[in-house]
Amino acid sequence: MSRQLKMGTISPEEFLQFRRHIPAVTKQGVMDTYRISQHSWYKLRDGKPVKQDVIDRLRARYAATSA
């Protein structure tokens, strides 16, 4: 029996909020800032679903680095 991974998306407004906080949209810039892959970043940008834990990690890193 396979386990279903919980998937999710973010709003375009939330993506822009995250985008304004990142110094460079490069493989290294995305990883250093949010600890997610550039591939996941592009999927979020395009409104495609990613694993919910990726979104949770992104939001947590944003909260930690913008305080």
PDB file of N, CA and C in Angstrom:
ATOM      1  N   MET A   1       0.852  -1.178   0.000  1.00  0.00           N
ATOM      2  CA  MET A   1       0.000   0.000   0.000  1.00  0.00           C
ATOM      3  C   MET A   1       0.899   1.243   0.000  1.00  0.00           C
ATOM      4  N   SER A   2       0.720   2.111  -0.967  1.00  0.00           N
ATOM      5  CA  SER A   2       1.555   3.304  -1.046  1.00  0.00           C
ATOM      6  C   SER A   2       0.948   4.449  -0.240  1.00  0.00           C
ATOM      7  N   ARG A   3       1.832   5.292   0.227  1.00  0.00           N
ATOM      8  CA  ARG A   3       1.413   6.440   1.009  1.00  0.00           C
ATOM      9  C   ARG A   3       1.260   7.647   0.088  1.00  0.00           C
ATOM     10  N   GLN A   4       0.150   8.342   0.200  1.00  0.00           N
ATOM     11  CA  GLN A   4      -0.083   9.540  -0.603  1.00  0.00           C
ATOM     12  C   GLN A   4       0.652  10.721   0.031  1.00  0.00           C
ATOM     13  N   LEU A   5       1.451  11.405  -0.764  1.00  0.00           N
ATOM     14  CA  LEU A   5       2.129  12.596  -0.277  1.00  0.00           C
ATOM     15  C   LEU A   5       1.175  13.777  -0.361  1.00  0.00           C
ATOM     16  N   LYS A   6       1.161  14.555   0.681  1.00  0.00           N
ATOM     17  CA  LYS A   6       0.313  15.740   0.691  1.00  0.00           C
ATOM     18  C   LYS A   6       0.984  16.811  -0.168  1.00  0.00           C
ATOM     19  N   MET A   7       0.237  17.323  -1.137  1.00  0.00           N
ATOM     20  CA  MET A   7       0.750  18.325  -2.067  1.00  0.00           C
ATOM     21  C   MET A   7       0.012  19.643  -1.851  1.00  0.00           C
ATOM     22  N   GLY A   8       0.628  20.726  -2.283  1.00  0.00           N
ATOM     23  CA  GLY A   8      -0.016  22.026  -2.142  1.00  0.00           C
ATOM     24  C   GLY A   8       0.589  23.051  -3.082  1.00  0.00           C
ATOM     25  N   THR A   9      -0.039  24.209  -3.125  1.00  0.00           N
ATOM     26  CA  THR A   9       0.449  25.338  -3.915  1.00  0.00           C
ATOM     27  C   THR A   9       0.400  26.583  -3.033  1.00  0.00           C
ATOM     28  N   ILE A  10       0.973  27.658  -3.538  1.00  0.00           N
ATOM     29  CA  ILE A  10       0.878  28.946  -2.851  1.00  0.00           C
ATOM     30  C   ILE A  10       0.284  29.956  -3.822  1.00  0.00           C
ATOM     31  N   SER A  11      -0.217  31.039  -3.291  1.00  0.00           N
ATOM     32  CA  SER A  11      -0.819  32.059  -4.146  1.00  0.00           C
ATOM     33  C   SER A  11       0.274  32.850  -4.866  1.00  0.00           C
ATOM     34  N   PRO A  12      -0.072  33.452  -5.998  1.00  0.00           N
ATOM     35  CA  PRO A  12       0.901  34.303  -6.696  1.00  0.00           C
ATOM     36  C   PRO A  12       1.396  35.451  -5.811  1.00  0.00           C
ATOM     37  N   GLU A  13       0.532  35.980  -4.967  1.00  0.00           N
ATOM     38  CA  GLU A  13       0.925  37.068  -4.073  1.00  0.00           C
ATOM     39  C   GLU A  13       1.970  36.601  -3.058  1.00  0.00           C
ATOM     40  N   GLU A  14       1.744  35.404  -2.505  1.00  0.00           N
ATOM     41  CA  GLU A  14       2.714  34.874  -1.543  1.00  0.00           C
ATOM     42  C   GLU A  14       4.044  34.593  -2.241  1.00  0.00           C
ATOM     43  N   PHE A  15       3.992  34.071  -3.458  1.00  0.00           N
ATOM     44  CA  PHE A  15       5.233  33.822  -4.199  1.00  0.00           C
ATOM     45  C   PHE A  15       6.003  35.128  -4.385  1.00  0.00           C
ATOM     46  N   LEU A  16       5.310  36.200  -4.757  1.00  0.00           N
ATOM     47  CA  LEU A  16       5.994  37.486  -4.949  1.00  0.00           C
ATOM     48  C   LEU A  16       6.611  37.985  -3.653  1.00  0.00           C
ATOM     49  N   GLN A  17       5.948  37.742  -2.547  1.00  0.00           N
ATOM     50  CA  GLN A  17       6.487  38.112  -1.230  1.00  0.00           C
ATOM     51  C   GLN A  17       7.813  37.368  -1.003  1.00  0.00           C
ATOM     52  N   PHE A  18       7.829  36.072  -1.279  1.00  0.00           N
ATOM     53  CA  PHE A  18       9.053  35.292  -1.130  1.00  0.00           C
ATOM     54  C   PHE A  18      10.115  35.756  -2.125  1.00  0.00           C
ATOM     55  N   ARG A  19       9.707  36.070  -3.336  1.00  0.00           N
ATOM     56  CA  ARG A  19      10.636  36.491  -4.391  1.00  0.00           C
ATOM     57  C   ARG A  19      11.348  37.784  -4.020  1.00  0.00           C
ATOM     58  N   ARG A  20      10.629  38.709  -3.418  1.00  0.00           N
ATOM     59  CA  ARG A  20      11.235  39.990  -3.028  1.00  0.00           C
ATOM     60  C   ARG A  20      12.311  39.810  -1.960  1.00  0.00           C
ATOM     61  N   HIS A  21      12.237  38.723  -1.226  1.00  0.00           N
ATOM     62  CA  HIS A  21      13.151  38.483  -0.111  1.00  0.00           C
ATOM     63  C   HIS A  21      14.432  37.746  -0.523  1.00  0.00           C
ATOM     64  N   ILE A  22      14.467  37.202  -1.727  1.00  0.00           N
ATOM     65  CA  ILE A  22      15.610  36.394  -2.161  1.00  0.00           C
ATOM     66  C   ILE A  22      16.616  37.270  -2.914  1.00  0.00           C
ATOM     67  N   PRO A  23      17.909  37.154  -2.611  1.00  0.00           N
ATOM     68  CA  PRO A  23      18.885  38.015  -3.283  1.00  0.00           C
ATOM     69  C   PRO A  23      19.102  37.669  -4.757  1.00  0.00           C
ATOM     70  N   ALA A  24      19.022  36.375  -5.124  1.00  0.00           N
ATOM     71  CA  ALA A  24      19.227  35.969  -6.516  1.00  0.00           C
ATOM     72  C   ALA A  24      18.494  34.664  -6.772  1.00  0.00           C
ATOM     73  N   VAL A  25      17.766  34.619  -7.871  1.00  0.00           N
ATOM     74  CA  VAL A  25      17.052  33.387  -8.222  1.00  0.00           C
ATOM     75  C   VAL A  25      18.004  32.499  -9.016  1.00  0.00           C
ATOM     76  N   THR A  26      18.892  31.899  -8.285  1.00  0.00           N
ATOM     77  CA  THR A  26      19.837  30.935  -8.824  1.00  0.00           C
ATOM     78  C   THR A  26      19.707  29.673  -7.982  1.00  0.00           C
ATOM     79  N   LYS A  27      20.289  28.599  -8.459  1.00  0.00           N
ATOM     80  CA  LYS A  27      20.257  27.346  -7.706  1.00  0.00           C
ATOM     81  C   LYS A  27      20.774  27.578  -6.287  1.00  0.00           C
ATOM     82  N   GLN A  28      21.908  28.246  -6.174  1.00  0.00           N
ATOM     83  CA  GLN A  28      22.512  28.489  -4.864  1.00  0.00           C
ATOM     84  C   GLN A  28      21.725  29.512  -4.055  1.00  0.00           C
ATOM     85  N   GLY A  29      21.208  30.543  -4.700  1.00  0.00           N
ATOM     86  CA  GLY A  29      20.444  31.572  -3.996  1.00  0.00           C
ATOM     87  C   GLY A  29      19.173  31.021  -3.372  1.00  0.00           C
ATOM     88  N   VAL A  30      18.462  30.190  -4.108  1.00  0.00           N
ATOM     89  CA  VAL A  30      17.221  29.586  -3.597  1.00  0.00           C
ATOM     90  C   VAL A  30      17.543  28.627  -2.451  1.00  0.00           C
ATOM     91  N   MET A  31      18.581  27.823  -2.621  1.00  0.00           N
ATOM     92  CA  MET A  31      18.951  26.867  -1.578  1.00  0.00           C
ATOM     93  C   MET A  31      19.435  27.587  -0.319  1.00  0.00           C
ATOM     94  N   ASP A  32      20.278  28.591  -0.475  1.00  0.00           N
ATOM     95  CA  ASP A  32      20.804  29.310   0.690  1.00  0.00           C
ATOM     96  C   ASP A  32      19.714  30.058   1.453  1.00  0.00           C
ATOM     97  N   THR A  33      18.773  30.622   0.727  1.00  0.00           N
ATOM     98  CA  THR A  33      17.737  31.428   1.363  1.00  0.00           C
ATOM     99  C   THR A  33      16.619  30.585   1.952  1.00  0.00           C
ATOM    100  N   TYR A  34      16.094  29.641   1.181  1.00  0.00           N
ATOM    101  CA  TYR A  34      14.891  28.917   1.597  1.00  0.00           C
ATOM    102  C   TYR A  34      15.073  27.420   1.822  1.00  0.00           C
ATOM    103  N   ARG A  35      16.250  26.903   1.492  1.00  0.00           N
ATOM    104  CA  ARG A  35      16.512  25.461   1.662  1.00  0.00           C
ATOM    105  C   ARG A  35      15.566  24.592   0.836  1.00  0.00           C
ATOM    106  N   ILE A  36      15.262  25.069  -0.373  1.00  0.00           N
ATOM    107  CA  ILE A  36      14.467  24.279  -1.322  1.00  0.00           C
ATOM    108  C   ILE A  36      15.208  24.281  -2.652  1.00  0.00           C
ATOM    109  N   SER A  37      14.874  23.328  -3.507  1.00  0.00           N
ATOM    110  CA  SER A  37      15.548  23.243  -4.808  1.00  0.00           C
ATOM    111  C   SER A  37      15.021  24.298  -5.774  1.00  0.00           C
ATOM    112  N   GLN A  38      15.825  24.589  -6.759  1.00  0.00           N
ATOM    113  CA  GLN A  38      15.406  25.528  -7.795  1.00  0.00           C
ATOM    114  C   GLN A  38      14.223  24.949  -8.567  1.00  0.00           C
ATOM    115  N   HIS A  39      14.192  23.647  -8.732  1.00  0.00           N
ATOM    116  CA  HIS A  39      13.078  22.986  -9.411  1.00  0.00           C
ATOM    117  C   HIS A  39      11.763  23.234  -8.655  1.00  0.00           C
ATOM    118  N   SER A  40      11.796  23.086  -7.334  1.00  0.00           N
ATOM    119  CA  SER A  40      10.596  23.366  -6.523  1.00  0.00           C
ATOM    120  C   SER A  40      10.217  24.842  -6.625  1.00  0.00           C
ATOM    121  N   TRP A  41      11.220  25.713  -6.635  1.00  0.00           N
ATOM    122  CA  TRP A  41      10.973  27.155  -6.758  1.00  0.00           C
ATOM    123  C   TRP A  41      10.231  27.468  -8.058  1.00  0.00           C
ATOM    124  N   TYR A  42      10.675  26.860  -9.160  1.00  0.00           N
ATOM    125  CA  TYR A  42      10.018  27.082 -10.451  1.00  0.00           C
ATOM    126  C   TYR A  42       8.596  26.537 -10.455  1.00  0.00           C
ATOM    127  N   LYS A  43       8.383  25.388  -9.836  1.00  0.00           N
ATOM    128  CA  LYS A  43       7.028  24.833  -9.760  1.00  0.00           C
ATOM    129  C   LYS A  43       6.113  25.771  -8.971  1.00  0.00           C
ATOM    130  N   LEU A  44       6.615  26.311  -7.860  1.00  0.00           N
ATOM    131  CA  LEU A  44       5.811  27.255  -7.077  1.00  0.00           C
ATOM    132  C   LEU A  44       5.520  28.512  -7.892  1.00  0.00           C
ATOM    133  N   ARG A  45       6.513  28.996  -8.602  1.00  0.00           N
ATOM    134  CA  ARG A  45       6.341  30.184  -9.451  1.00  0.00           C
ATOM    135  C   ARG A  45       5.249  29.968 -10.488  1.00  0.00           C
ATOM    136  N   ASP A  46       5.209  28.752 -11.036  1.00  0.00           N
ATOM    137  CA  ASP A  46       4.260  28.434 -12.101  1.00  0.00           C
ATOM    138  C   ASP A  46       2.904  27.965 -11.588  1.00  0.00           C
ATOM    139  N   GLY A  47       2.715  27.967 -10.262  1.00  0.00           N
ATOM    140  CA  GLY A  47       1.437  27.564  -9.687  1.00  0.00           C
ATOM    141  C   GLY A  47       1.208  26.064  -9.658  1.00  0.00           C
ATOM    142  N   LYS A  48       2.264  25.289  -9.822  1.00  0.00           N
ATOM    143  CA  LYS A  48       2.152  23.827  -9.814  1.00  0.00           C
ATOM    144  C   LYS A  48       2.325  23.301  -8.384  1.00  0.00           C
ATOM    145  N   PRO A  49       1.720  22.177  -8.090  1.00  0.00           N
ATOM    146  CA  PRO A  49       1.829  21.644  -6.731  1.00  0.00           C
ATOM    147  C   PRO A  49       3.208  21.066  -6.421  1.00  0.00           C
ATOM    148  N   VAL A  50       3.605  21.233  -5.173  1.00  0.00           N
ATOM    149  CA  VAL A  50       4.820  20.625  -4.631  1.00  0.00           C
ATOM    150  C   VAL A  50       4.438  19.957  -3.318  1.00  0.00           C
ATOM    151  N   LYS A  51       5.350  19.193  -2.759  1.00  0.00           N
ATOM    152  CA  LYS A  51       5.087  18.546  -1.479  1.00  0.00           C
ATOM    153  C   LYS A  51       4.816  19.620  -0.418  1.00  0.00           C
ATOM    154  N   GLN A  52       3.860  19.340   0.435  1.00  0.00           N
ATOM    155  CA  GLN A  52       3.482  20.307   1.467  1.00  0.00           C
ATOM    156  C   GLN A  52       4.655  20.623   2.394  1.00  0.00           C
ATOM    157  N   ASP A  53       5.531  19.651   2.647  1.00  0.00           N
ATOM    158  CA  ASP A  53       6.666  19.928   3.532  1.00  0.00           C
ATOM    159  C   ASP A  53       7.629  20.943   2.911  1.00  0.00           C
ATOM    160  N   VAL A  54       7.685  21.024   1.580  1.00  0.00           N
ATOM    161  CA  VAL A  54       8.495  22.050   0.910  1.00  0.00           C
ATOM    162  C   VAL A  54       7.905  23.430   1.190  1.00  0.00           C
ATOM    163  N   ILE A  55       6.586  23.548   1.094  1.00  0.00           N
ATOM    164  CA  ILE A  55       5.923  24.825   1.372  1.00  0.00           C
ATOM    165  C   ILE A  55       6.106  25.210   2.835  1.00  0.00           C
ATOM    166  N   ASP A  56       5.964  24.242   3.728  1.00  0.00           N
ATOM    167  CA  ASP A  56       6.140  24.512   5.159  1.00  0.00           C
ATOM    168  C   ASP A  56       7.561  24.984   5.450  1.00  0.00           C
ATOM    169  N   ARG A  57       8.552  24.342   4.823  1.00  0.00           N
ATOM    170  CA  ARG A  57       9.952  24.727   5.010  1.00  0.00           C
ATOM    171  C   ARG A  57      10.204  26.135   4.466  1.00  0.00           C
ATOM    172  N   LEU A  58       9.643  26.438   3.305  1.00  0.00           N
ATOM    173  CA  LEU A  58       9.777  27.758   2.698  1.00  0.00           C
ATOM    174  C   LEU A  58       9.201  28.836   3.615  1.00  0.00           C
ATOM    175  N   ARG A  59       8.017  28.615   4.121  1.00  0.00           N
ATOM    176  CA  ARG A  59       7.380  29.594   5.011  1.00  0.00           C
ATOM    177  C   ARG A  59       8.160  29.762   6.315  1.00  0.00           C
ATOM    178  N   ALA A  60       8.668  28.671   6.853  1.00  0.00           N
ATOM    179  CA  ALA A  60       9.434  28.742   8.094  1.00  0.00           C
ATOM    180  C   ALA A  60      10.741  29.527   7.886  1.00  0.00           C
ATOM    181  N   ARG A  61      11.432  29.250   6.776  1.00  0.00           N
ATOM    182  CA  ARG A  61      12.687  29.982   6.497  1.00  0.00           C
ATOM    183  C   ARG A  61      12.408  31.454   6.239  1.00  0.00           C
ATOM    184  N   TYR A  62      11.308  31.752   5.555  1.00  0.00           N
ATOM    185  CA  TYR A  62      10.964  33.149   5.312  1.00  0.00           C
ATOM    186  C   TYR A  62      10.717  33.868   6.634  1.00  0.00           C
ATOM    187  N   ALA A  63       9.954  33.236   7.508  1.00  0.00           N
ATOM    188  CA  ALA A  63       9.656  33.842   8.814  1.00  0.00           C
ATOM    189  C   ALA A  63      10.942  34.041   9.636  1.00  0.00           C
ATOM    190  N   ALA A  64      11.823  33.062   9.587  1.00  0.00           N
ATOM    191  CA  ALA A  64      13.055  33.145  10.364  1.00  0.00           C
ATOM    192  C   ALA A  64      14.028  34.197   9.835  1.00  0.00           C
ATOM    193  N   THR A  65      14.086  34.363   8.523  1.00  0.00           N
ATOM    194  CA  THR A  65      15.058  35.283   7.944  1.00  0.00           C
ATOM    195  C   THR A  65      14.518  36.703   7.773  1.00  0.00           C
ATOM    196  N   SER A  66      13.226  36.886   7.854  1.00  0.00           N
ATOM    197  CA  SER A  66      12.680  38.244   7.678  1.00  0.00           C
ATOM    198  C   SER A  66      12.406  38.931   9.009  1.00  0.00           C
ATOM    199  N   ALA A  67      12.642  38.232  10.100  1.00  0.00           N
ATOM    200  CA  ALA A  67      12.404  38.829  11.430  1.00  0.00           C
ATOM    201  C   ALA A  67      13.534  39.746  11.845  1.00  0.00           C
TER     202      ALA A  67
END
